[in-house]
Amino acid sequence: IIFIIPWVLTWFSHVFSSVKTICRIWDYILCTGPHGIIYLTAGIILSTKDELVSQCPEYDVTLI
């Protein structure tokens, strides 16, 4: 899981324009240990679920 952290930190640095938001994400990932990235990713997926599902109309995702 440790190899994922640099990728995520770089991605967040390019996506968010607020330095404060980027710093809070970095603090969370670095302070929660290896499982923090999994929790953060799960939270992002759940919060953008409708947008993600709408991008895949060919799949039956009614059970999700």
PDB file of N, CA and C in Angstrom:
ATOM      1  N   ILE A   1       0.827  -1.197   0.000  1.00  0.00           N
ATOM      2  CA  ILE A   1       0.000   0.000   0.000  1.00  0.00           C
ATOM      3  C   ILE A   1       0.871   1.261   0.000  1.00  0.00           C
ATOM      4  N   ILE A   2       2.062   1.187   0.533  1.00  0.00           N
ATOM      5  CA  ILE A   2       2.930   2.365   0.633  1.00  0.00           C
ATOM      6  C   ILE A   2       3.264   2.934  -0.746  1.00  0.00           C
ATOM      7  N   PHE A   3       3.370   2.112  -1.772  1.00  0.00           N
ATOM      8  CA  PHE A   3       3.722   2.618  -3.099  1.00  0.00           C
ATOM      9  C   PHE A   3       2.614   3.476  -3.700  1.00  0.00           C
ATOM     10  N   ILE A   4       1.408   3.400  -3.162  1.00  0.00           N
ATOM     11  CA  ILE A   4       0.278   4.171  -3.679  1.00  0.00           C
ATOM     12  C   ILE A   4       0.315   5.623  -3.198  1.00  0.00           C
ATOM     13  N   ILE A   5       0.853   5.861  -2.037  1.00  0.00           N
ATOM     14  CA  ILE A   5       0.804   7.194  -1.427  1.00  0.00           C
ATOM     15  C   ILE A   5       1.412   8.279  -2.312  1.00  0.00           C
ATOM     16  N   PRO A   6       2.604   8.110  -2.895  1.00  0.00           N
ATOM     17  CA  PRO A   6       3.136   9.183  -3.762  1.00  0.00           C
ATOM     18  C   PRO A   6       2.237   9.474  -4.960  1.00  0.00           C
ATOM     19  N   TRP A   7       1.649   8.437  -5.528  1.00  0.00           N
ATOM     20  CA  TRP A   7       0.750   8.633  -6.667  1.00  0.00           C
ATOM     21  C   TRP A   7      -0.446   9.479  -6.260  1.00  0.00           C
ATOM     22  N   VAL A   8      -1.048   9.170  -5.136  1.00  0.00           N
ATOM     23  CA  VAL A   8      -2.229   9.908  -4.676  1.00  0.00           C
ATOM     24  C   VAL A   8      -1.867  11.338  -4.321  1.00  0.00           C
ATOM     25  N   LEU A   9      -0.744  11.540  -3.641  1.00  0.00           N
ATOM     26  CA  LEU A   9      -0.332  12.897  -3.287  1.00  0.00           C
ATOM     27  C   LEU A   9      -0.099  13.739  -4.533  1.00  0.00           C
ATOM     28  N   THR A  10       0.517  13.173  -5.546  1.00  0.00           N
ATOM     29  CA  THR A  10       0.743  13.898  -6.793  1.00  0.00           C
ATOM     30  C   THR A  10      -0.575  14.206  -7.474  1.00  0.00           C
ATOM     31  N   TRP A  11      -1.481  13.242  -7.496  1.00  0.00           N
ATOM     32  CA  TRP A  11      -2.781  13.443  -8.144  1.00  0.00           C
ATOM     33  C   TRP A  11      -3.558  14.553  -7.453  1.00  0.00           C
ATOM     34  N   PHE A  12      -3.604  14.531  -6.140  1.00  0.00           N
ATOM     35  CA  PHE A  12      -4.330  15.568  -5.413  1.00  0.00           C
ATOM     36  C   PHE A  12      -3.701  16.937  -5.637  1.00  0.00           C
ATOM     37  N   SER A  13      -2.398  16.990  -5.756  1.00  0.00           N
ATOM     38  CA  SER A  13      -1.722  18.266  -5.976  1.00  0.00           C
ATOM     39  C   SER A  13      -2.117  18.887  -7.313  1.00  0.00           C
ATOM     40  N   HIS A  14      -2.429  18.064  -8.293  1.00  0.00           N
ATOM     41  CA  HIS A  14      -2.809  18.577  -9.609  1.00  0.00           C
ATOM     42  C   HIS A  14      -4.299  18.873  -9.720  1.00  0.00           C
ATOM     43  N   VAL A  15      -5.106  18.202  -8.931  1.00  0.00           N
ATOM     44  CA  VAL A  15      -6.561  18.345  -9.050  1.00  0.00           C
ATOM     45  C   VAL A  15      -7.092  19.511  -8.229  1.00  0.00           C
ATOM     46  N   PHE A  16      -6.621  19.638  -7.004  1.00  0.00           N
ATOM     47  CA  PHE A  16      -7.131  20.692  -6.124  1.00  0.00           C
ATOM     48  C   PHE A  16      -6.291  21.955  -6.254  1.00  0.00           C
ATOM     49  N   SER A  17      -6.974  23.093  -6.260  1.00  0.00           N
ATOM     50  CA  SER A  17      -6.249  24.355  -6.373  1.00  0.00           C
ATOM     51  C   SER A  17      -5.958  24.972  -5.006  1.00  0.00           C
ATOM     52  N   SER A  18      -6.647  24.524  -3.983  1.00  0.00           N
ATOM     53  CA  SER A  18      -6.458  25.075  -2.649  1.00  0.00           C
ATOM     54  C   SER A  18      -5.322  24.342  -1.922  1.00  0.00           C
ATOM     55  N   VAL A  19      -4.302  25.087  -1.555  1.00  0.00           N
ATOM     56  CA  VAL A  19      -3.170  24.505  -0.832  1.00  0.00           C
ATOM     57  C   VAL A  19      -3.639  23.972   0.522  1.00  0.00           C
ATOM     58  N   LYS A  20      -4.587  24.640   1.143  1.00  0.00           N
ATOM     59  CA  LYS A  20      -5.103  24.197   2.438  1.00  0.00           C
ATOM     60  C   LYS A  20      -5.744  22.814   2.312  1.00  0.00           C
ATOM     61  N   THR A  21      -6.525  22.585   1.259  1.00  0.00           N
ATOM     62  CA  THR A  21      -7.161  21.285   1.044  1.00  0.00           C
ATOM     63  C   THR A  21      -6.119  20.208   0.800  1.00  0.00           C
ATOM     64  N   ILE A  22      -5.125  20.514  -0.015  1.00  0.00           N
ATOM     65  CA  ILE A  22      -4.058  19.553  -0.309  1.00  0.00           C
ATOM     66  C   ILE A  22      -3.314  19.190   0.981  1.00  0.00           C
ATOM     67  N   CYS A  23      -3.005  20.176   1.786  1.00  0.00           N
ATOM     68  CA  CYS A  23      -2.291  19.923   3.038  1.00  0.00           C
ATOM     69  C   CYS A  23      -3.113  19.068   3.992  1.00  0.00           C
ATOM     70  N   ARG A  24      -4.410  19.298   4.052  1.00  0.00           N
ATOM     71  CA  ARG A  24      -5.267  18.480   4.928  1.00  0.00           C
ATOM     72  C   ARG A  24      -5.322  17.036   4.448  1.00  0.00           C
ATOM     73  N   ILE A  25      -5.373  16.828   3.149  1.00  0.00           N
ATOM     74  CA  ILE A  25      -5.370  15.470   2.600  1.00  0.00           C
ATOM     75  C   ILE A  25      -4.039  14.792   2.908  1.00  0.00           C
ATOM     76  N   TRP A  26      -2.928  15.486   2.702  1.00  0.00           N
ATOM     77  CA  TRP A  26      -1.614  14.925   3.010  1.00  0.00           C
ATOM     78  C   TRP A  26      -1.517  14.562   4.491  1.00  0.00           C
ATOM     79  N   ASP A  27      -1.962  15.476   5.355  1.00  0.00           N
ATOM     80  CA  ASP A  27      -1.922  15.209   6.793  1.00  0.00           C
ATOM     81  C   ASP A  27      -2.724  13.963   7.143  1.00  0.00           C
ATOM     82  N   TYR A  28      -3.904  13.847   6.552  1.00  0.00           N
ATOM     83  CA  TYR A  28      -4.751  12.685   6.838  1.00  0.00           C
ATOM     84  C   TYR A  28      -4.057  11.392   6.410  1.00  0.00           C
ATOM     85  N   ILE A  29      -3.542  11.369   5.186  1.00  0.00           N
ATOM     86  CA  ILE A  29      -2.903  10.151   4.671  1.00  0.00           C
ATOM     87  C   ILE A  29      -1.660   9.798   5.490  1.00  0.00           C
ATOM     88  N   LEU A  30      -0.850  10.781   5.809  1.00  0.00           N
ATOM     89  CA  LEU A  30       0.394  10.510   6.534  1.00  0.00           C
ATOM     90  C   LEU A  30       0.148  10.144   7.995  1.00  0.00           C
ATOM     91  N   CYS A  31      -0.914  10.649   8.591  1.00  0.00           N
ATOM     92  CA  CYS A  31      -1.183  10.380  10.004  1.00  0.00           C
ATOM     93  C   CYS A  31      -1.977   9.100  10.244  1.00  0.00           C
ATOM     94  N   THR A  32      -2.741   8.649   9.271  1.00  0.00           N
ATOM     95  CA  THR A  32      -3.569   7.469   9.494  1.00  0.00           C
ATOM     96  C   THR A  32      -2.877   6.168   9.133  1.00  0.00           C
ATOM     97  N   GLY A  33      -1.714   6.237   8.536  1.00  0.00           N
ATOM     98  CA  GLY A  33      -0.999   5.017   8.186  1.00  0.00           C
ATOM     99  C   GLY A  33      -1.461   4.446   6.860  1.00  0.00           C
ATOM    100  N   PRO A  34      -1.063   3.202   6.587  1.00  0.00           N
ATOM    101  CA  PRO A  34      -1.333   2.622   5.272  1.00  0.00           C
ATOM    102  C   PRO A  34      -2.816   2.444   4.950  1.00  0.00           C
ATOM    103  N   HIS A  35      -3.643   2.308   5.945  1.00  0.00           N
ATOM    104  CA  HIS A  35      -5.066   2.099   5.672  1.00  0.00           C
ATOM    105  C   HIS A  35      -5.820   3.403   5.410  1.00  0.00           C
ATOM    106  N   GLY A  36      -5.217   4.513   5.726  1.00  0.00           N
ATOM    107  CA  GLY A  36      -5.860   5.806   5.503  1.00  0.00           C
ATOM    108  C   GLY A  36      -6.176   6.059   4.046  1.00  0.00           C
ATOM    109  N   ILE A  37      -5.305   5.630   3.155  1.00  0.00           N
ATOM    110  CA  ILE A  37      -5.522   5.836   1.730  1.00  0.00           C
ATOM    111  C   ILE A  37      -6.729   5.035   1.247  1.00  0.00           C
ATOM    112  N   ILE A  38      -6.924   3.867   1.840  1.00  0.00           N
ATOM    113  CA  ILE A  38      -8.086   3.044   1.464  1.00  0.00           C
ATOM    114  C   ILE A  38      -9.370   3.727   1.912  1.00  0.00           C
ATOM    115  N   TYR A  39      -9.385   4.242   3.137  1.00  0.00           N
ATOM    116  CA  TYR A  39     -10.571   4.945   3.634  1.00  0.00           C
ATOM    117  C   TYR A  39     -10.865   6.198   2.816  1.00  0.00           C
ATOM    118  N   LEU A  40      -9.831   6.940   2.485  1.00  0.00           N
ATOM    119  CA  LEU A  40     -10.001   8.156   1.687  1.00  0.00           C
ATOM    120  C   LEU A  40     -10.555   7.822   0.306  1.00  0.00           C
ATOM    121  N   THR A  41      -9.990   6.800  -0.332  1.00  0.00           N
ATOM    122  CA  THR A  41     -10.450   6.391  -1.659  1.00  0.00           C
ATOM    123  C   THR A  41     -11.896   5.916  -1.609  1.00  0.00           C
ATOM    124  N   ALA A  42     -12.241   5.127  -0.598  1.00  0.00           N
ATOM    125  CA  ALA A  42     -13.628   4.655  -0.455  1.00  0.00           C
ATOM    126  C   ALA A  42     -14.581   5.834  -0.274  1.00  0.00           C
ATOM    127  N   GLY A  43     -14.177   6.825   0.506  1.00  0.00           N
ATOM    128  CA  GLY A  43     -15.009   8.007   0.705  1.00  0.00           C
ATOM    129  C   GLY A  43     -15.222   8.793  -0.580  1.00  0.00           C
ATOM    130  N   ILE A  44     -14.175   8.924  -1.374  1.00  0.00           N
ATOM    131  CA  ILE A  44     -14.291   9.633  -2.651  1.00  0.00           C
ATOM    132  C   ILE A  44     -15.204   8.873  -3.599  1.00  0.00           C
ATOM    133  N   ILE A  45     -15.058   7.560  -3.647  1.00  0.00           N
ATOM    134  CA  ILE A  45     -15.916   6.750  -4.524  1.00  0.00           C
ATOM    135  C   ILE A  45     -17.376   6.858  -4.091  1.00  0.00           C
ATOM    136  N   LEU A  46     -17.633   6.769  -2.797  1.00  0.00           N
ATOM    137  CA  LEU A  46     -19.014   6.873  -2.317  1.00  0.00           C
ATOM    138  C   LEU A  46     -19.608   8.259  -2.562  1.00  0.00           C
ATOM    139  N   SER A  47     -18.800   9.295  -2.410  1.00  0.00           N
ATOM    140  CA  SER A  47     -19.335  10.648  -2.596  1.00  0.00           C
ATOM    141  C   SER A  47     -19.574  10.989  -4.063  1.00  0.00           C
ATOM    142  N   THR A  48     -18.899  10.292  -4.972  1.00  0.00           N
ATOM    143  CA  THR A  48     -19.082  10.540  -6.408  1.00  0.00           C
ATOM    144  C   THR A  48     -19.764   9.365  -7.103  1.00  0.00           C
ATOM    145  N   LYS A  49     -20.439   8.536  -6.322  1.00  0.00           N
ATOM    146  CA  LYS A  49     -21.065   7.317  -6.843  1.00  0.00           C
ATOM    147  C   LYS A  49     -21.990   7.587  -8.025  1.00  0.00           C
ATOM    148  N   ASP A  50     -22.884   8.555  -7.904  1.00  0.00           N
ATOM    149  CA  ASP A  50     -23.839   8.839  -8.977  1.00  0.00           C
ATOM    150  C   ASP A  50     -23.138   9.244 -10.272  1.00  0.00           C
ATOM    151  N   GLU A  51     -22.115  10.069 -10.154  1.00  0.00           N
ATOM    152  CA  GLU A  51     -21.361  10.491 -11.338  1.00  0.00           C
ATOM    153  C   GLU A  51     -20.624   9.312 -11.974  1.00  0.00           C
ATOM    154  N   LEU A  52     -20.030   8.458 -11.149  1.00  0.00           N
ATOM    155  CA  LEU A  52     -19.312   7.296 -11.663  1.00  0.00           C
ATOM    156  C   LEU A  52     -20.250   6.316 -12.348  1.00  0.00           C
ATOM    157  N   VAL A  53     -21.417   6.078 -11.747  1.00  0.00           N
ATOM    158  CA  VAL A  53     -22.390   5.142 -12.318  1.00  0.00           C
ATOM    159  C   VAL A  53     -22.937   5.675 -13.634  1.00  0.00           C
ATOM    160  N   SER A  54     -23.142   6.971 -13.730  1.00  0.00           N
ATOM    161  CA  SER A  54     -23.693   7.554 -14.956  1.00  0.00           C
ATOM    162  C   SER A  54     -22.716   7.440 -16.130  1.00  0.00           C
ATOM    163  N   GLN A  55     -21.450   7.241 -15.857  1.00  0.00           N
ATOM    164  CA  GLN A  55     -20.446   7.111 -16.913  1.00  0.00           C
ATOM    165  C   GLN A  55     -20.390   5.699 -17.492  1.00  0.00           C
ATOM    166  N   CYS A  56     -21.107   4.760 -16.887  1.00  0.00           N
ATOM    167  CA  CYS A  56     -21.096   3.365 -17.352  1.00  0.00           C
ATOM    168  C   CYS A  56     -22.520   2.876 -17.596  1.00  0.00           C
ATOM    169  N   PRO A  57     -23.224   3.432 -18.584  1.00  0.00           N
ATOM    170  CA  PRO A  57     -24.619   3.038 -18.800  1.00  0.00           C
ATOM    171  C   PRO A  57     -24.775   1.610 -19.300  1.00  0.00           C
ATOM    172  N   GLU A  58     -23.719   1.012 -19.869  1.00  0.00           N
ATOM    173  CA  GLU A  58     -23.844  -0.338 -20.407  1.00  0.00           C
ATOM    174  C   GLU A  58     -23.833  -1.418 -19.315  1.00  0.00           C
ATOM    175  N   TYR A  59     -23.453  -1.055 -18.098  1.00  0.00           N
ATOM    176  CA  TYR A  59     -23.435  -2.012 -17.004  1.00  0.00           C
ATOM    177  C   TYR A  59     -24.687  -1.866 -16.160  1.00  0.00           C
ATOM    178  N   ASP A  60     -25.202  -2.983 -15.691  1.00  0.00           N
ATOM    179  CA  ASP A  60     -26.360  -2.952 -14.809  1.00  0.00           C
ATOM    180  C   ASP A  60     -25.869  -2.759 -13.380  1.00  0.00           C
ATOM    181  N   VAL A  61     -25.977  -1.558 -12.877  1.00  0.00           N
ATOM    182  CA  VAL A  61     -25.494  -1.225 -11.545  1.00  0.00           C
ATOM    183  C   VAL A  61     -26.627  -0.883 -10.604  1.00  0.00           C
ATOM    184  N   THR A  62     -27.806  -1.428 -10.848  1.00  0.00           N
ATOM    185  CA  THR A  62     -28.956  -1.111 -10.004  1.00  0.00           C
ATOM    186  C   THR A  62     -28.825  -1.715  -8.620  1.00  0.00           C
ATOM    187  N   LEU A  63     -27.984  -2.730  -8.450  1.00  0.00           N
ATOM    188  CA  LEU A  63     -27.832  -3.364  -7.154  1.00  0.00           C
ATOM    189  C   LEU A  63     -26.873  -2.601  -6.239  1.00  0.00           C
ATOM    190  N   ILE A  64     -26.123  -1.691  -6.804  1.00  0.00           N
ATOM    191  CA  ILE A  64     -25.123  -0.952  -6.010  1.00  0.00           C
ATOM    192  C   ILE A  64     -25.798   0.159  -5.241  1.00  0.00           C
TER     193      ILE A  64
END
